[in-house]
Amino acid sequence: MKRSWSEAIVDPGGLLHSADVPASRKKAYQKNKKRCLLFSKLPSEIRDVIWHYVFGGLTIHILDDALDRNTCVAKVCRLHVDPEREVVRLREGEQDPYHVRHFRCFESPDQQSSDPPDQPQALVSVLRVCRQIHDEAALLPFVANFFSFARFTSLSRFLDRLLPAQAHAIQRLAWLEHSNWSSHWNHAAGTALLRRVPSLLQVVVFVEFRQASVELFLRNGHTRGVRAADLSEFLRGLAGGSLAKANVAPLYPSSGLKSRDQFKGRVWQWAVDEERHMISGVDADAKREARRW
């Protein structure tokens, strides 16, 4: 069910708060809180560190359910590096496609480990222990993790199923684009996404190219797929909030490129404070080479 995005973040329906405890149970609630060593002995700053350790530091893949397009499936990434570190590996020359890098993440359930770290549901089960824990940490799984999507449309479906407070808490997003599929990159689309995730701090976009599409990407030539200028406009619209920079990591079959060594491991970093809001990081020689193509 889609939720109304006009709902105020200060009143996110569905999240439990201590203020919502029925009057008949207030006394028991306060008594239990005082008897619990976690709340009576540890200051809130220490509890906050514990909650971040329990709920954060992961990359969580969000997929469309193969049997029900209206349902999302969550899987913990098994690379043990977040998308920012993936970008570093690509910068250093790794050229494995996305589906190869994340092959183990998408294994069937009978092949995957049953350990709690591999099961996202185990993370939120702690929130069901008591109302006090839920009160303090209900939004931390959204604040403290990277959410990764194999396609941009999955991101939209995922956000449709969150409470406004949950979506507003998300700070890190990554997604994969195929160069010949993209058609939604524009300033308005970036602004629309910003309204849904206003706390966004980090963005990583993995763009996989086919044949010579990377040349068209660089020189913004005629193509049905993603172009550097279009993607930059999208990021410009998305940067009206807290987002200051984004990494755009291209991956392409090197056999299809001229002067392929020039582009090996190239990662573009888009910075909001650049006057022209363009993707930076391509050196002058690479730009001249791209124009000759």
Protein backbone atom coordinates (compact mmCIF):
# COMPACT_ATOMS: atom_id res chain seq x y z
CA MET A 1 0.00 0.00 0.00
CA LYS A 2 1.35 3.41 -0.96
CA ARG A 3 1.51 5.92 1.85
CA SER A 4 0.76 9.60 1.76
CA TRP A 5 3.97 11.64 1.67
CA SER A 6 2.16 14.60 3.14
CA GLU A 7 2.30 12.86 6.52
CA ALA A 8 4.49 14.80 8.94
CA ILE A 9 7.73 13.20 10.05
CA VAL A 10 6.97 14.28 13.62
CA ASP A 11 3.88 12.07 13.62
CA PRO A 12 4.85 8.96 11.67
CA GLY A 13 1.86 6.65 11.97
CA GLY A 14 2.89 3.13 12.83
CA LEU A 15 5.93 3.90 14.98
CA LEU A 16 5.44 3.21 18.65
CA HIS A 17 6.35 5.84 21.21
CA SER A 18 6.28 5.86 24.99
CA ALA A 19 3.73 8.66 24.81
CA ASP A 20 1.35 6.17 23.19
CA VAL A 21 1.32 3.83 26.20
CA PRO A 22 -2.27 3.48 27.46
CA ALA A 23 -2.90 5.22 30.78
CA SER A 24 -3.77 1.88 32.37
CA ARG A 25 -0.24 0.61 31.65
CA LYS A 26 1.82 3.73 32.35
CA LYS A 27 2.74 2.61 35.86
CA ALA A 28 3.93 -0.82 34.71
CA TYR A 29 5.84 0.79 31.86
CA GLN A 30 7.78 3.11 34.18
CA LYS A 31 8.43 0.30 36.66
CA ASN A 32 9.84 -2.00 33.97
CA LYS A 33 12.06 0.77 32.66
CA LYS A 34 13.57 1.37 36.09
CA ARG A 35 14.17 -2.34 36.69
CA CYS A 36 15.90 -2.86 33.34
CA LEU A 37 19.68 -2.47 33.76
CA LEU A 38 20.05 -1.42 30.14
CA PHE A 39 18.02 1.72 30.78
CA SER A 40 18.68 2.31 34.47
CA LYS A 41 22.49 1.89 34.45
CA LEU A 42 23.67 2.87 30.97
CA PRO A 43 23.48 6.49 29.81
CA SER A 44 21.72 7.19 26.53
CA GLU A 45 25.05 7.95 24.80
CA ILE A 46 26.32 4.42 25.52
CA ARG A 47 23.02 2.88 24.46
CA ASP A 48 23.23 4.82 21.22
CA VAL A 49 26.64 3.29 20.49
CA ILE A 50 25.21 -0.16 21.18
CA TRP A 51 22.23 0.43 18.89
CA HIS A 52 24.48 1.55 16.04
CA TYR A 53 26.59 -1.57 16.49
CA VAL A 54 23.52 -3.82 16.52
CA PHE A 55 21.56 -2.22 13.70
CA GLY A 56 24.14 -0.47 11.50
CA GLY A 57 27.21 -0.90 9.34
CA LEU A 58 25.59 -3.10 6.69
CA THR A 59 24.71 -2.89 3.04
CA ILE A 60 21.19 -4.18 2.49
CA HIS A 61 20.09 -5.24 -0.98
CA ILE A 62 16.45 -4.51 -1.75
CA LEU A 63 14.96 -6.63 -4.54
CA ASP A 64 11.59 -6.98 -6.21
CA ASP A 65 9.92 -10.25 -5.25
CA ALA A 66 9.94 -12.54 -8.30
CA LEU A 67 6.43 -13.78 -7.48
CA ASP A 68 4.88 -10.49 -6.38
CA ARG A 69 6.03 -7.21 -7.93
CA ASN A 70 4.33 -5.32 -5.10
CA THR A 71 6.61 -6.93 -2.52
CA CYS A 72 10.24 -6.17 -1.71
CA VAL A 73 12.82 -8.67 -0.48
CA ALA A 74 15.79 -7.64 1.70
CA LYS A 75 19.16 -9.41 1.76
CA VAL A 76 22.33 -8.45 3.61
CA CYS A 77 25.26 -7.90 1.24
CA ARG A 78 27.94 -10.56 1.67
CA LEU A 79 30.83 -8.57 0.20
CA HIS A 80 31.53 -7.08 3.63
CA VAL A 81 32.37 -3.76 1.98
CA ASP A 82 29.94 -0.91 1.47
CA PRO A 83 29.34 0.68 -1.96
CA GLU A 84 31.90 3.40 -1.22
CA ARG A 85 34.56 0.71 -0.83
CA GLU A 86 33.30 -0.96 -4.01
CA VAL A 87 34.01 2.32 -5.77
CA VAL A 88 37.58 2.23 -4.45
CA ARG A 89 38.01 -1.27 -5.88
CA LEU A 90 36.68 -0.13 -9.25
CA ARG A 91 39.03 2.84 -9.14
CA GLU A 92 41.89 0.42 -8.57
CA GLY A 93 40.94 -1.51 -11.70
CA GLU A 94 38.44 -4.23 -10.71
CA GLN A 95 36.14 -4.89 -13.67
CA ASP A 96 33.81 -7.67 -12.52
CA PRO A 97 30.17 -6.87 -13.39
CA TYR A 98 27.71 -6.13 -10.59
CA HIS A 99 26.02 -9.54 -10.77
CA VAL A 100 29.42 -11.26 -10.48
CA ARG A 101 30.55 -9.15 -7.53
CA HIS A 102 27.28 -9.83 -5.71
CA PHE A 103 26.69 -13.41 -6.82
CA ARG A 104 26.68 -14.80 -3.28
CA CYS A 105 24.29 -12.10 -2.09
CA PHE A 106 21.54 -13.45 -4.33
CA GLU A 107 21.93 -17.17 -3.76
CA SER A 108 18.77 -19.12 -3.09
CA PRO A 109 17.78 -19.42 0.60
CA ASP A 110 18.91 -23.05 0.84
CA GLN A 111 22.42 -22.03 -0.25
CA GLN A 112 22.72 -19.08 2.11
CA SER A 113 23.92 -19.11 5.66
CA SER A 114 21.31 -19.16 8.39
CA ASP A 115 23.52 -16.98 10.58
CA PRO A 116 21.72 -13.88 11.88
CA PRO A 117 24.10 -11.46 10.09
CA ASP A 118 22.81 -12.84 6.77
CA GLN A 119 19.17 -12.32 7.71
CA PRO A 120 17.93 -8.69 7.74
CA GLN A 121 14.84 -9.77 9.68
CA ALA A 122 17.08 -10.68 12.61
CA LEU A 123 18.13 -7.04 12.90
CA VAL A 124 14.66 -5.71 13.51
CA SER A 125 13.67 -8.55 15.84
CA VAL A 126 15.55 -6.73 18.62
CA LEU A 127 13.12 -3.85 18.22
CA ARG A 128 10.29 -6.18 19.21
CA VAL A 129 11.80 -7.02 22.59
CA CYS A 130 10.26 -4.06 24.38
CA ARG A 131 8.71 -0.68 23.74
CA GLN A 132 11.66 1.22 25.23
CA ILE A 133 14.12 -0.27 22.74
CA HIS A 134 11.73 0.41 19.90
CA ASP A 135 11.31 3.96 21.16
CA GLU A 136 15.05 4.65 20.97
CA ALA A 137 16.16 2.63 17.96
CA ALA A 138 13.24 2.11 15.57
CA LEU A 139 14.76 4.32 12.86
CA LEU A 140 18.40 3.26 13.22
CA PRO A 141 18.22 0.43 10.63
CA PHE A 142 17.38 3.15 8.11
CA VAL A 143 19.88 5.71 9.41
CA ALA A 144 22.93 3.50 9.83
CA ASN A 145 22.90 1.21 6.76
CA PHE A 146 23.54 1.50 3.03
CA PHE A 147 20.54 0.49 0.91
CA SER A 148 21.47 -0.99 -2.45
CA PHE A 149 19.21 -1.66 -5.45
CA ALA A 150 19.83 -3.68 -8.60
CA ARG A 151 17.62 -1.23 -10.48
CA PHE A 152 16.32 2.26 -9.80
CA THR A 153 12.65 1.21 -10.08
CA SER A 154 13.13 -1.07 -7.07
CA LEU A 155 14.08 1.99 -5.00
CA SER A 156 10.77 3.66 -5.78
CA ARG A 157 8.77 0.56 -4.84
CA PHE A 158 10.73 0.22 -1.61
CA LEU A 159 10.03 3.82 -0.60
CA ASP A 160 6.33 3.31 -1.34
CA ARG A 161 6.24 0.74 1.45
CA LEU A 162 7.95 2.76 4.15
CA LEU A 163 6.50 5.10 6.70
CA PRO A 164 7.50 8.72 6.03
CA ALA A 165 9.77 8.75 9.11
CA GLN A 166 11.58 5.64 7.85
CA ALA A 167 12.19 7.07 4.38
CA HIS A 168 13.21 10.44 5.83
CA ALA A 169 15.82 8.66 7.98
CA ILE A 170 17.66 7.03 5.05
CA GLN A 171 21.12 8.55 4.50
CA ARG A 172 22.88 6.20 2.06
CA LEU A 173 21.70 4.83 -1.29
CA ALA A 174 23.35 2.89 -4.10
CA TRP A 175 21.90 1.49 -7.28
CA LEU A 176 22.86 -0.11 -10.59
CA GLU A 177 22.05 1.33 -14.00
CA HIS A 178 22.48 -0.29 -17.39
CA SER A 179 23.51 2.35 -19.88
CA ASN A 180 20.89 1.38 -22.46
CA TRP A 181 17.96 1.27 -20.01
CA SER A 182 18.11 4.67 -18.35
CA SER A 183 15.58 7.30 -19.39
CA HIS A 184 14.50 8.92 -16.11
CA TRP A 185 17.50 11.16 -15.44
CA ASN A 186 16.49 14.79 -15.16
CA HIS A 187 16.44 17.56 -12.57
CA ALA A 188 12.75 17.03 -11.72
CA ALA A 189 13.33 13.33 -10.96
CA GLY A 190 16.17 14.23 -8.61
CA THR A 191 14.03 16.80 -6.81
CA ALA A 192 11.18 14.28 -6.49
CA LEU A 193 13.51 11.72 -4.91
CA LEU A 194 14.90 14.34 -2.54
CA ARG A 195 11.42 14.99 -1.17
CA ARG A 196 11.20 11.33 -0.25
CA VAL A 197 14.70 10.97 1.23
CA PRO A 198 15.61 14.47 2.51
CA SER A 199 18.37 13.21 4.85
CA LEU A 200 20.42 11.65 2.04
CA LEU A 201 24.19 12.06 2.56
CA GLN A 202 25.80 9.50 0.24
CA VAL A 203 24.92 8.25 -3.24
CA VAL A 204 26.72 5.69 -5.39
CA VAL A 205 25.55 4.95 -8.94
CA PHE A 206 27.05 1.96 -10.74
CA VAL A 207 26.62 2.34 -14.52
CA GLU A 208 27.29 -0.72 -16.67
CA PHE A 209 28.01 0.02 -20.32
CA ARG A 210 27.75 -2.09 -23.43
CA GLN A 211 29.98 -1.75 -26.44
CA ALA A 212 30.92 1.89 -27.02
CA SER A 213 28.18 3.44 -24.88
CA VAL A 214 30.80 4.90 -22.55
CA GLU A 215 31.96 7.23 -25.32
CA LEU A 216 28.41 8.49 -25.80
CA PHE A 217 28.10 8.89 -22.03
CA LEU A 218 31.19 11.08 -21.88
CA ARG A 219 30.42 13.32 -24.83
CA ASN A 220 26.65 13.32 -24.18
CA GLY A 221 26.01 12.02 -27.68
CA HIS A 222 22.73 10.76 -29.06
CA THR A 223 21.74 7.67 -27.09
CA ARG A 224 18.63 6.22 -25.52
CA GLY A 225 20.65 5.41 -22.45
CA VAL A 226 22.18 7.44 -19.65
CA ARG A 227 24.30 10.49 -20.51
CA ALA A 228 26.70 12.31 -18.22
CA ALA A 229 24.78 15.59 -18.54
CA ASP A 230 21.43 13.94 -17.75
CA LEU A 231 22.81 12.13 -14.72
CA SER A 232 24.43 15.34 -13.53
CA GLU A 233 21.09 17.16 -13.77
CA PHE A 234 19.46 14.40 -11.72
CA LEU A 235 22.13 14.69 -9.03
CA ARG A 236 21.78 18.46 -9.06
CA GLY A 237 18.08 18.08 -8.26
CA LEU A 238 18.87 15.55 -5.56
CA ALA A 239 21.43 17.82 -3.92
CA GLY A 240 19.00 20.37 -2.53
CA GLY A 241 19.31 18.76 0.90
CA SER A 242 22.33 17.33 2.71
CA LEU A 243 23.94 15.55 -0.25
CA ALA A 244 27.29 17.12 -1.14
CA LYS A 245 28.79 14.59 -3.53
CA ALA A 246 28.07 11.35 -5.32
CA ASN A 247 30.24 8.67 -6.89
CA VAL A 248 29.41 7.44 -10.39
CA ALA A 249 31.28 4.21 -11.08
CA PRO A 250 31.31 3.07 -14.74
CA LEU A 251 31.93 -0.53 -15.72
CA TYR A 252 32.24 -1.64 -19.33
CA PRO A 253 33.70 -4.41 -21.51
CA SER A 254 37.22 -3.16 -22.15
CA SER A 255 37.34 -5.02 -25.47
CA GLY A 256 34.72 -2.62 -26.84
CA LEU A 257 36.70 0.54 -26.13
CA LYS A 258 39.32 2.50 -27.98
CA SER A 259 42.25 3.45 -25.77
CA ARG A 260 40.66 1.27 -23.10
CA ASP A 261 43.59 1.64 -20.69
CA GLN A 262 42.77 5.34 -20.46
CA PHE A 263 39.39 4.51 -18.90
CA LYS A 264 40.27 1.48 -16.81
CA GLY A 265 38.96 1.84 -13.29
CA ARG A 266 37.71 5.37 -13.92
CA VAL A 267 35.33 6.71 -11.27
CA TRP A 268 33.62 10.04 -11.60
CA GLN A 269 32.83 12.09 -8.53
CA TRP A 270 30.05 14.65 -8.80
CA ALA A 271 30.32 17.56 -6.37
CA VAL A 272 27.46 19.90 -5.59
CA ASP A 273 29.73 22.88 -5.01
CA GLU A 274 31.10 22.80 -8.55
CA GLU A 275 29.89 25.80 -10.48
CA ARG A 276 28.62 23.81 -13.46
CA HIS A 277 27.38 20.85 -11.40
CA MET A 278 29.09 18.44 -13.75
CA ILE A 279 30.65 15.10 -13.03
CA SER A 280 34.31 15.61 -12.25
CA GLY A 281 37.25 13.28 -12.21
CA VAL A 282 37.76 12.75 -15.94
CA ASP A 283 41.09 14.28 -16.76
CA ALA A 284 41.61 16.58 -19.73
CA ASP A 285 43.27 13.93 -21.88
CA ALA A 286 40.34 11.57 -21.40
CA LYS A 287 37.91 14.33 -22.35
CA ARG A 288 39.83 15.10 -25.53
CA GLU A 289 39.98 11.42 -26.38
CA ALA A 290 36.23 11.06 -25.87
CA ARG A 291 35.52 14.05 -28.14
CA ARG A 292 37.57 12.50 -30.95
CA TRP A 293 35.29 9.44 -30.81
